[in-house]
Amino acid sequence: MSARVKILFVVFSLLTLALFIADLMFGSVKVSPAEIAAVLTGGGDGSVNERIIIDIRLVKAIVAVIAGAALSVSGLQMQTLFQNPLA
């Protein structure tokens, strides 16, 4: 793997992580990054924001990441199956 590919992999991984955290932060109820970190590490205080993060936003963010990964894998499979780089 070339150095350019390694750098792009790291940049896109960090971008994915940043967007994942942004998905947890922003919505109709604003939640601070410190509160998100406290909830995800088990230090939540049982507030309404904790229920919002765990029950709604975390599930939505995980499903979005899994759906994106599934789309990329299915695109790779189509390219391999049809032997067409544009498929």
Protein backbone atom coordinates (compact mmCIF):
# COMPACT_ATOMS: atom_id res chain seq x y z
CA MET A 1 0.00 0.00 0.00
CA SER A 2 1.37 3.38 -0.97
CA ALA A 3 1.77 6.28 1.43
CA ARG A 4 -1.01 8.21 -0.36
CA VAL A 5 -3.48 5.37 0.21
CA LYS A 6 -2.52 5.14 3.89
CA ILE A 7 -2.99 8.89 4.37
CA LEU A 8 -6.37 8.82 2.62
CA PHE A 9 -7.47 5.87 4.76
CA VAL A 10 -6.56 7.71 7.97
CA VAL A 11 -8.21 10.95 6.81
CA PHE A 12 -11.43 9.24 5.81
CA SER A 13 -11.49 7.19 9.02
CA LEU A 14 -11.14 10.36 11.10
CA LEU A 15 -13.82 12.07 8.98
CA THR A 16 -16.17 9.14 9.56
CA LEU A 17 -15.55 9.33 13.31
CA ALA A 18 -16.11 13.10 13.35
CA LEU A 19 -19.37 12.77 11.43
CA PHE A 20 -20.49 9.95 13.74
CA ILE A 21 -19.94 12.22 16.75
CA ALA A 22 -21.66 15.12 14.97
CA ASP A 23 -24.65 12.84 14.32
CA LEU A 24 -24.85 12.20 18.06
CA MET A 25 -24.50 15.89 18.94
CA PHE A 26 -26.91 17.67 16.64
CA GLY A 27 -30.67 17.36 16.47
CA SER A 28 -33.71 19.08 17.87
CA VAL A 29 -32.03 18.85 21.29
CA LYS A 30 -28.40 19.96 21.38
CA VAL A 31 -26.10 17.71 23.40
CA SER A 32 -22.54 18.63 24.35
CA PRO A 33 -19.59 16.39 23.45
CA ALA A 34 -18.78 16.04 27.15
CA GLU A 35 -22.25 14.70 27.88
CA ILE A 36 -21.99 12.27 24.95
CA ALA A 37 -18.66 11.01 26.26
CA ALA A 38 -20.12 10.60 29.76
CA VAL A 39 -23.10 8.64 28.47
CA LEU A 40 -21.03 6.38 26.22
CA THR A 41 -18.55 5.59 29.01
CA GLY A 42 -21.33 4.75 31.48
CA GLY A 43 -21.16 7.91 33.55
CA GLY A 44 -24.59 9.21 32.59
CA ASP A 45 -26.90 10.63 35.22
CA GLY A 46 -30.13 9.14 33.88
CA SER A 47 -31.29 12.39 32.31
CA VAL A 48 -33.53 12.83 29.30
CA ASN A 49 -30.46 13.56 27.16
CA GLU A 50 -29.04 10.15 28.07
CA ARG A 51 -32.21 8.45 26.82
CA ILE A 52 -32.08 10.53 23.62
CA ILE A 53 -28.46 9.58 22.97
CA ILE A 54 -28.79 5.87 23.75
CA ASP A 55 -32.26 5.10 22.41
CA ILE A 56 -32.45 7.34 19.37
CA ARG A 57 -29.24 8.92 18.15
CA LEU A 58 -26.78 6.09 18.79
CA VAL A 59 -29.00 3.56 17.04
CA LYS A 60 -29.52 5.91 14.09
CA ALA A 61 -25.79 6.61 13.76
CA ILE A 62 -24.80 2.93 13.93
CA VAL A 63 -27.41 2.00 11.32
CA ALA A 64 -26.12 4.78 9.04
CA VAL A 65 -22.54 3.47 9.29
CA ILE A 66 -23.64 -0.12 8.64
CA ALA A 67 -25.80 0.93 5.68
CA GLY A 68 -22.91 2.89 4.17
CA ALA A 69 -20.57 -0.08 4.58
CA ALA A 70 -23.16 -2.40 3.02
CA LEU A 71 -23.56 -0.09 0.03
CA SER A 72 -19.81 0.04 -0.56
CA VAL A 73 -19.47 -3.74 -0.32
CA SER A 74 -22.40 -4.28 -2.69
CA GLY A 75 -20.85 -1.86 -5.18
CA LEU A 76 -17.57 -3.77 -5.02
CA GLN A 77 -19.42 -7.04 -5.57
CA MET A 78 -21.21 -5.63 -8.61
CA GLN A 79 -17.92 -4.44 -10.09
CA THR A 80 -16.41 -7.87 -9.53
CA LEU A 81 -19.40 -9.80 -10.83
CA PHE A 82 -19.85 -7.77 -14.02
CA GLN A 83 -16.12 -7.11 -14.46
CA ASN A 84 -16.97 -3.48 -15.10
CA PRO A 85 -15.26 -0.75 -13.06
CA LEU A 86 -18.22 1.58 -13.69
CA ALA A 87 -20.91 -0.84 -12.44
